[in-house]
Amino acid sequence: MKLFLLLVSIILMISCQSNKHEFKSLSSLNEFLNDIDNGFIQKDQSNQFQFEARLIPPMEGDSASQVSVQLRISDTENTPVLDYGNITNEQRGYRENYFSFEIKNDVFLEFDGKKVYADFNHFEKNYGLKNSIDILFNFTDIKPESDVFFVYRDQVFDQGLIKIKFNKQLFKNCYVKS
């Protein structure tokens, strides 16, 4: 039994080392995460909206296994997202309130037959300076055996259910060394 456990540990260490990426600086890490070919950025489109999910994976050495997903919602017609639909200032305020406080109930990660809701979310209020909106979600203890879907149930723009798929390999603790 001890030999079996030793062999399993060695295999895990080797497989972890073969998938690991090390970075000498924060800028090289950001460059890697922002390269669309590496899989950390996935997109979906619904009607005139583009939904871009950007995964910030768990880092080796983190005290708690956590991942973050930045959701960017933009209008393909390059108009301000919060003003979509010719709305009043009161309705715009409702939308800002929803994205700040209530969206957390409509976003989750789905994998291995379960749903995990965000522990924390942050809506970046940009005061109309850009046409997109950004919301950051933080999830803890994500250790999937299968691919992971970032799911957003849109309650503001009537776009329905948005599901964006991430490869399960991106969620391994050993994948990125800080």
Protein backbone atom coordinates (compact mmCIF):
# COMPACT_ATOMS: atom_id res chain seq x y z
CA MET A 1 0.00 0.00 0.00
CA LYS A 2 2.84 2.41 0.85
CA LEU A 3 4.48 1.67 -2.49
CA PHE A 4 1.21 2.37 -4.28
CA LEU A 5 0.79 5.73 -2.51
CA LEU A 6 4.39 6.65 -3.29
CA LEU A 7 3.89 5.84 -6.98
CA VAL A 8 0.66 7.84 -7.15
CA SER A 9 2.39 10.83 -5.49
CA ILE A 10 5.28 10.69 -7.95
CA ILE A 11 2.92 10.46 -10.93
CA LEU A 12 0.92 13.44 -9.68
CA MET A 13 4.06 15.50 -9.16
CA ILE A 14 5.34 14.66 -12.64
CA SER A 15 2.00 15.42 -14.31
CA CYS A 16 1.76 18.65 -12.35
CA GLN A 17 5.28 19.69 -13.36
CA SER A 18 4.63 18.96 -17.05
CA ASN A 19 1.58 21.27 -17.10
CA LYS A 20 3.11 24.10 -15.07
CA HIS A 21 3.95 27.50 -16.46
CA GLU A 22 6.34 29.74 -14.55
CA PHE A 23 6.61 33.50 -14.99
CA LYS A 24 9.43 35.86 -14.09
CA SER A 25 7.22 38.95 -13.94
CA LEU A 26 3.62 40.00 -13.54
CA SER A 27 3.61 41.41 -17.07
CA SER A 28 4.64 38.03 -18.57
CA LEU A 29 1.85 36.33 -16.56
CA ASN A 30 -0.69 38.89 -17.83
CA GLU A 31 0.54 38.43 -21.38
CA PHE A 32 0.05 34.66 -21.07
CA LEU A 33 -3.46 35.02 -19.58
CA ASN A 34 -4.47 37.58 -22.22
CA ASP A 35 -3.36 35.40 -25.15
CA ILE A 36 -6.64 34.07 -26.53
CA ASP A 37 -4.90 30.89 -27.72
CA ASN A 38 -4.20 29.81 -24.12
CA GLY A 39 -7.91 29.34 -23.34
CA PHE A 40 -8.28 31.79 -20.44
CA ILE A 41 -10.50 34.08 -22.54
CA GLN A 42 -13.73 32.66 -23.95
CA LYS A 43 -16.57 34.50 -25.68
CA ASP A 44 -20.23 34.06 -26.48
CA GLN A 45 -22.57 36.29 -28.42
CA SER A 46 -26.32 36.75 -28.05
CA ASN A 47 -28.20 39.12 -30.32
CA GLN A 48 -26.27 42.42 -30.19
CA PHE A 49 -24.31 41.62 -27.00
CA GLN A 50 -20.90 40.03 -26.65
CA PHE A 51 -20.08 38.23 -23.40
CA GLU A 52 -16.38 37.73 -22.72
CA ALA A 53 -15.30 35.64 -19.73
CA ARG A 54 -11.69 35.96 -18.65
CA LEU A 55 -10.45 33.30 -16.22
CA ILE A 56 -7.83 34.08 -13.60
CA PRO A 57 -6.73 30.57 -12.55
CA PRO A 58 -5.60 29.28 -9.17
CA MET A 59 -1.95 30.00 -8.48
CA GLU A 60 0.43 27.52 -6.94
CA GLY A 61 1.16 28.60 -3.40
CA ASP A 62 -2.22 30.25 -2.78
CA SER A 63 -3.47 29.48 0.72
CA ALA A 64 -6.94 28.69 -0.64
CA SER A 65 -7.70 27.36 -4.08
CA GLN A 66 -9.60 30.15 -5.79
CA VAL A 67 -10.40 31.29 -9.29
CA SER A 68 -11.78 34.56 -10.57
CA VAL A 69 -13.78 35.24 -13.70
CA GLN A 70 -14.08 38.71 -15.18
CA LEU A 71 -17.24 39.08 -17.24
CA ARG A 72 -17.20 41.84 -19.83
CA ILE A 73 -20.50 42.66 -21.51
CA SER A 74 -20.29 44.84 -24.60
CA ASP A 75 -22.68 45.97 -27.28
CA THR A 76 -21.67 44.93 -30.80
CA GLU A 77 -23.08 48.23 -32.10
CA ASN A 78 -20.58 50.05 -29.85
CA THR A 79 -23.20 51.87 -27.77
CA PRO A 80 -23.13 52.10 -23.95
CA VAL A 81 -24.37 48.80 -22.51
CA LEU A 82 -26.11 50.30 -19.48
CA ASP A 83 -28.14 52.62 -21.72
CA TYR A 84 -29.38 49.80 -23.99
CA GLY A 85 -33.05 50.12 -24.88
CA ASN A 86 -33.58 53.86 -24.55
CA ILE A 87 -34.10 53.80 -20.77
CA THR A 88 -34.60 56.46 -18.09
CA ASN A 89 -32.00 57.50 -15.50
CA GLU A 90 -34.01 55.60 -12.88
CA GLN A 91 -33.85 52.40 -14.94
CA ARG A 92 -30.11 52.92 -15.44
CA GLY A 93 -29.74 53.20 -11.65
CA TYR A 94 -31.65 49.93 -11.25
CA ARG A 95 -29.23 48.25 -13.67
CA GLU A 96 -26.20 49.55 -11.78
CA ASN A 97 -27.72 48.29 -8.53
CA TYR A 98 -28.40 44.87 -10.06
CA PHE A 99 -24.84 44.52 -11.36
CA SER A 100 -23.42 45.69 -8.01
CA PHE A 101 -25.48 43.53 -5.66
CA GLU A 102 -27.98 41.14 -7.22
CA ILE A 103 -26.10 39.56 -10.14
CA LYS A 104 -24.33 37.20 -7.74
CA ASN A 105 -27.52 35.11 -7.62
CA ASP A 106 -27.53 34.69 -11.40
CA VAL A 107 -23.90 33.62 -11.93
CA PHE A 108 -22.31 30.27 -11.14
CA LEU A 109 -19.75 27.72 -12.28
CA GLU A 110 -21.20 24.41 -13.39
CA PHE A 111 -19.11 21.23 -13.41
CA ASP A 112 -19.34 17.60 -12.33
CA GLY A 113 -23.13 17.92 -11.97
CA LYS A 114 -23.01 20.75 -9.44
CA LYS A 115 -23.33 24.52 -9.34
CA VAL A 116 -20.95 26.74 -7.37
CA TYR A 117 -21.99 30.34 -6.80
CA ALA A 118 -19.53 33.20 -6.41
CA ASP A 119 -18.27 34.09 -2.94
CA PHE A 120 -17.70 37.67 -4.03
CA ASN A 121 -18.47 39.95 -6.96
CA HIS A 122 -17.44 43.46 -7.92
CA PHE A 123 -19.07 45.65 -10.57
CA GLU A 124 -16.70 48.22 -12.02
CA LYS A 125 -18.71 51.40 -12.32
CA ASN A 126 -17.22 53.31 -15.26
CA TYR A 127 -19.56 56.34 -15.34
CA GLY A 128 -20.19 55.93 -19.06
CA LEU A 129 -16.52 56.33 -20.00
CA LYS A 130 -16.55 53.08 -21.95
CA ASN A 131 -19.22 51.17 -23.81
CA SER A 132 -18.74 47.88 -21.97
CA ILE A 133 -19.22 46.84 -18.35
CA ASP A 134 -16.95 44.60 -16.27
CA ILE A 135 -17.94 42.42 -13.34
CA LEU A 136 -15.45 40.31 -11.39
CA PHE A 137 -16.52 37.08 -9.64
CA ASN A 138 -14.46 35.05 -7.17
CA PHE A 139 -15.02 31.33 -6.55
CA THR A 140 -13.27 29.10 -4.00
CA ASP A 141 -12.52 25.37 -3.80
CA ILE A 142 -13.04 24.66 -7.48
CA LYS A 143 -11.51 21.27 -8.31
CA PRO A 144 -13.34 19.98 -11.37
CA GLU A 145 -13.05 16.54 -12.93
CA SER A 146 -14.76 17.76 -16.12
CA ASP A 147 -14.83 20.97 -18.14
CA VAL A 148 -16.28 23.99 -16.37
CA PHE A 149 -19.08 26.23 -17.61
CA PHE A 150 -19.34 29.85 -16.49
CA VAL A 151 -23.11 30.45 -16.48
CA TYR A 152 -24.83 33.83 -16.44
CA ARG A 153 -28.62 34.07 -16.39
CA ASP A 154 -29.24 37.52 -17.90
CA GLN A 155 -32.00 39.39 -16.06
CA VAL A 156 -31.33 42.86 -17.52
CA PHE A 157 -31.05 42.65 -21.30
CA ASP A 158 -33.30 39.60 -21.91
CA GLN A 159 -30.49 37.59 -23.50
CA GLY A 160 -31.37 34.37 -21.66
CA LEU A 161 -28.83 31.86 -20.37
CA ILE A 162 -25.21 32.48 -21.34
CA LYS A 163 -22.88 29.45 -20.95
CA ILE A 164 -19.16 29.81 -21.57
CA LYS A 165 -16.96 26.71 -21.45
CA PHE A 166 -13.46 26.50 -19.92
CA ASN A 167 -11.15 23.50 -20.14
CA LYS A 168 -10.78 21.67 -16.81
CA GLN A 169 -6.97 21.82 -17.08
CA LEU A 170 -7.07 25.58 -16.46
CA PHE A 171 -8.42 24.99 -12.94
CA LYS A 172 -5.55 22.87 -11.63
CA ASN A 173 -3.62 24.38 -8.73
CA CYS A 174 -0.38 23.48 -10.38
CA TYR A 175 -1.15 25.03 -13.75
CA VAL A 176 0.23 28.51 -13.06
CA LYS A 177 3.05 29.25 -10.64
CA SER A 178 3.01 32.80 -9.29
